[in-house]
Amino acid sequence: MGVRAIMKKYGLEYEDRDIINHADQYAEMVEKSGQPLSPCVEIDGHMLADVSGDEVEDHTGAVFPGLSMGMSSDFEVAIEEGATIVRVGSAIFGTRNYL
């Protein structure tokens, strides 16, 4: 899977930059990555140089180890939508008694 496909898989917005036709964007890539040859991917301030989709997925998995959504009342739908973390405390312990 390519880098763009991985970004889409995790719902991460991305911006393609034309480093060939825009010298300022090329200079920014070189400054941030420390290398002049390979395109880079920057995720949350971390510059990944000359990476494959698998390497981006490995990094993304470390940054976003799970997808948290859903609670006791709707966890089934959350799981269907891809959640890997759900909050089901009320289903286990009952509703809270606020004083």
C-alpha atoms as a PDB file:
ATOM      1  CA  MET A   1       0.000   0.000   0.000  1.00  0.00           C
ATOM      2  CA  GLY A   2       1.317   3.444  -0.847  1.00  0.00           C
ATOM      3  CA  VAL A   3       1.759   6.419   1.452  1.00  0.00           C
ATOM      4  CA  ARG A   4      -1.432   8.172   0.272  1.00  0.00           C
ATOM      5  CA  ALA A   5      -3.490   5.002   0.799  1.00  0.00           C
ATOM      6  CA  ILE A   6      -2.175   4.668   4.361  1.00  0.00           C
ATOM      7  CA  MET A   7      -3.014   8.298   5.112  1.00  0.00           C
ATOM      8  CA  LYS A   8      -6.545   7.719   3.825  1.00  0.00           C
ATOM      9  CA  LYS A   9      -6.847   4.465   5.791  1.00  0.00           C
ATOM     10  CA  TYR A  10      -6.211   6.332   9.050  1.00  0.00           C
ATOM     11  CA  GLY A  11      -8.316   9.324   8.036  1.00  0.00           C
ATOM     12  CA  LEU A  12      -5.313  11.636   8.125  1.00  0.00           C
ATOM     13  CA  GLU A  13      -5.399  14.753   6.041  1.00  0.00           C
ATOM     14  CA  TYR A  14      -2.393  15.296   3.846  1.00  0.00           C
ATOM     15  CA  GLU A  15      -1.077  17.831   1.416  1.00  0.00           C
ATOM     16  CA  ASP A  16       0.913  16.947  -1.676  1.00  0.00           C
ATOM     17  CA  ARG A  17       3.743  19.382  -2.301  1.00  0.00           C
ATOM     18  CA  ASP A  18       5.392  19.797  -5.690  1.00  0.00           C
ATOM     19  CA  ILE A  19       9.090  19.814  -4.784  1.00  0.00           C
ATOM     20  CA  ILE A  20      10.130  19.557  -8.436  1.00  0.00           C
ATOM     21  CA  ASN A  21       8.449  22.740  -9.674  1.00  0.00           C
ATOM     22  CA  HIS A  22       8.576  24.807  -6.464  1.00  0.00           C
ATOM     23  CA  ALA A  23      12.062  25.563  -5.201  1.00  0.00           C
ATOM     24  CA  ASP A  24      10.770  26.919  -1.882  1.00  0.00           C
ATOM     25  CA  GLN A  25       8.976  23.649  -1.109  1.00  0.00           C
ATOM     26  CA  TYR A  26      12.073  21.674  -2.115  1.00  0.00           C
ATOM     27  CA  ALA A  27      14.234  23.840   0.173  1.00  0.00           C
ATOM     28  CA  GLU A  28      11.809  23.294   3.073  1.00  0.00           C
ATOM     29  CA  MET A  29      11.959  19.518   2.564  1.00  0.00           C
ATOM     30  CA  VAL A  30      15.770  19.542   2.525  1.00  0.00           C
ATOM     31  CA  GLU A  31      15.920  21.745   5.622  1.00  0.00           C
ATOM     32  CA  LYS A  32      13.515  19.573   7.618  1.00  0.00           C
ATOM     33  CA  SER A  33      14.778  16.164   6.458  1.00  0.00           C
ATOM     34  CA  GLY A  34      18.468  16.837   6.060  1.00  0.00           C
ATOM     35  CA  GLN A  35      18.546  15.053   2.715  1.00  0.00           C
ATOM     36  CA  PRO A  36      18.116  16.389  -0.833  1.00  0.00           C
ATOM     37  CA  LEU A  37      17.062  13.393  -2.904  1.00  0.00           C
ATOM     38  CA  SER A  38      13.972  11.558  -1.730  1.00  0.00           C
ATOM     39  CA  PRO A  39      10.483  12.851  -1.098  1.00  0.00           C
ATOM     40  CA  CYS A  40       9.461  12.958   2.544  1.00  0.00           C
ATOM     41  CA  VAL A  41       6.366  12.602   4.657  1.00  0.00           C
ATOM     42  CA  GLU A  42       5.899  14.823   7.690  1.00  0.00           C
ATOM     43  CA  ILE A  43       3.474  13.546  10.335  1.00  0.00           C
ATOM     44  CA  ASP A  44       2.852  15.659  13.420  1.00  0.00           C
ATOM     45  CA  GLY A  45       6.261  17.300  13.119  1.00  0.00           C
ATOM     46  CA  HIS A  46       8.115  14.023  12.535  1.00  0.00           C
ATOM     47  CA  MET A  47       9.909  13.972   9.178  1.00  0.00           C
ATOM     48  CA  LEU A  48      10.073  10.562   7.516  1.00  0.00           C
ATOM     49  CA  ALA A  49      12.422  10.531   4.537  1.00  0.00           C
ATOM     50  CA  ASP A  50      12.231   8.081   1.632  1.00  0.00           C
ATOM     51  CA  VAL A  51       9.578   5.878   3.228  1.00  0.00           C
ATOM     52  CA  SER A  52       7.147   3.279   1.983  1.00  0.00           C
ATOM     53  CA  GLY A  53       3.491   3.033   2.875  1.00  0.00           C
ATOM     54  CA  ASP A  54       4.330   0.238   5.319  1.00  0.00           C
ATOM     55  CA  GLU A  55       6.834   2.444   7.136  1.00  0.00           C
ATOM     56  CA  VAL A  56       4.292   5.258   7.367  1.00  0.00           C
ATOM     57  CA  GLU A  57       1.728   2.791   8.727  1.00  0.00           C
ATOM     58  CA  ASP A  58       4.227   1.579  11.332  1.00  0.00           C
ATOM     59  CA  HIS A  59       4.863   5.176  12.400  1.00  0.00           C
ATOM     60  CA  THR A  60       1.166   6.036  12.329  1.00  0.00           C
ATOM     61  CA  GLY A  61       0.406   2.979  14.459  1.00  0.00           C
ATOM     62  CA  ALA A  62       2.868   4.262  17.033  1.00  0.00           C
ATOM     63  CA  VAL A  63       1.326   7.742  16.977  1.00  0.00           C
ATOM     64  CA  PHE A  64      -2.282   6.526  16.822  1.00  0.00           C
ATOM     65  CA  PRO A  65      -2.222   3.060  18.394  1.00  0.00           C
ATOM     66  CA  GLY A  66      -5.998   2.747  18.383  1.00  0.00           C
ATOM     67  CA  LEU A  67      -9.185   4.387  17.292  1.00  0.00           C
ATOM     68  CA  SER A  68     -11.295   5.324  20.294  1.00  0.00           C
ATOM     69  CA  MET A  69     -14.992   5.964  19.803  1.00  0.00           C
ATOM     70  CA  GLY A  70     -18.233   4.717  21.209  1.00  0.00           C
ATOM     71  CA  MET A  71     -19.620   4.211  24.675  1.00  0.00           C
ATOM     72  CA  SER A  72     -21.855   1.655  26.381  1.00  0.00           C
ATOM     73  CA  SER A  73     -24.923   2.756  24.429  1.00  0.00           C
ATOM     74  CA  ASP A  74     -23.398   2.571  20.942  1.00  0.00           C
ATOM     75  CA  PHE A  75     -20.251   0.458  21.096  1.00  0.00           C
ATOM     76  CA  GLU A  76     -21.540  -2.073  18.535  1.00  0.00           C
ATOM     77  CA  VAL A  77     -21.766   0.621  15.862  1.00  0.00           C
ATOM     78  CA  ALA A  78     -18.371   2.008  16.877  1.00  0.00           C
ATOM     79  CA  ILE A  79     -16.788  -1.426  16.414  1.00  0.00           C
ATOM     80  CA  GLU A  80     -18.490  -1.812  13.023  1.00  0.00           C
ATOM     81  CA  GLU A  81     -16.980   1.550  12.040  1.00  0.00           C
ATOM     82  CA  GLY A  82     -13.466   0.429  12.978  1.00  0.00           C
ATOM     83  CA  ALA A  83     -13.007   1.389  16.626  1.00  0.00           C
ATOM     84  CA  THR A  84     -10.300  -0.502  18.441  1.00  0.00           C
ATOM     85  CA  ILE A  85     -10.992   1.150  21.811  1.00  0.00           C
ATOM     86  CA  VAL A  86     -14.491   1.571  23.257  1.00  0.00           C
ATOM     87  CA  ARG A  87     -15.648   2.941  26.599  1.00  0.00           C
ATOM     88  CA  VAL A  88     -18.136   0.580  28.213  1.00  0.00           C
ATOM     89  CA  GLY A  89     -17.870   1.373  31.922  1.00  0.00           C
ATOM     90  CA  SER A  90     -21.610   1.909  32.384  1.00  0.00           C
ATOM     91  CA  ALA A  91     -22.384  -1.466  30.816  1.00  0.00           C
ATOM     92  CA  ILE A  92     -20.024  -3.163  33.273  1.00  0.00           C
ATOM     93  CA  PHE A  93     -20.414  -1.089  36.436  1.00  0.00           C
ATOM     94  CA  GLY A  94     -23.822   0.522  35.930  1.00  0.00           C
ATOM     95  CA  THR A  95     -24.631   4.184  35.696  1.00  0.00           C
ATOM     96  CA  ARG A  96     -22.853   6.621  37.977  1.00  0.00           C
ATOM     97  CA  ASN A  97     -24.565   7.999  41.032  1.00  0.00           C
ATOM     98  CA  TYR A  98     -23.679  11.689  41.099  1.00  0.00           C
ATOM     99  CA  LEU A  99     -24.150  13.264  44.520  1.00  0.00           C
END
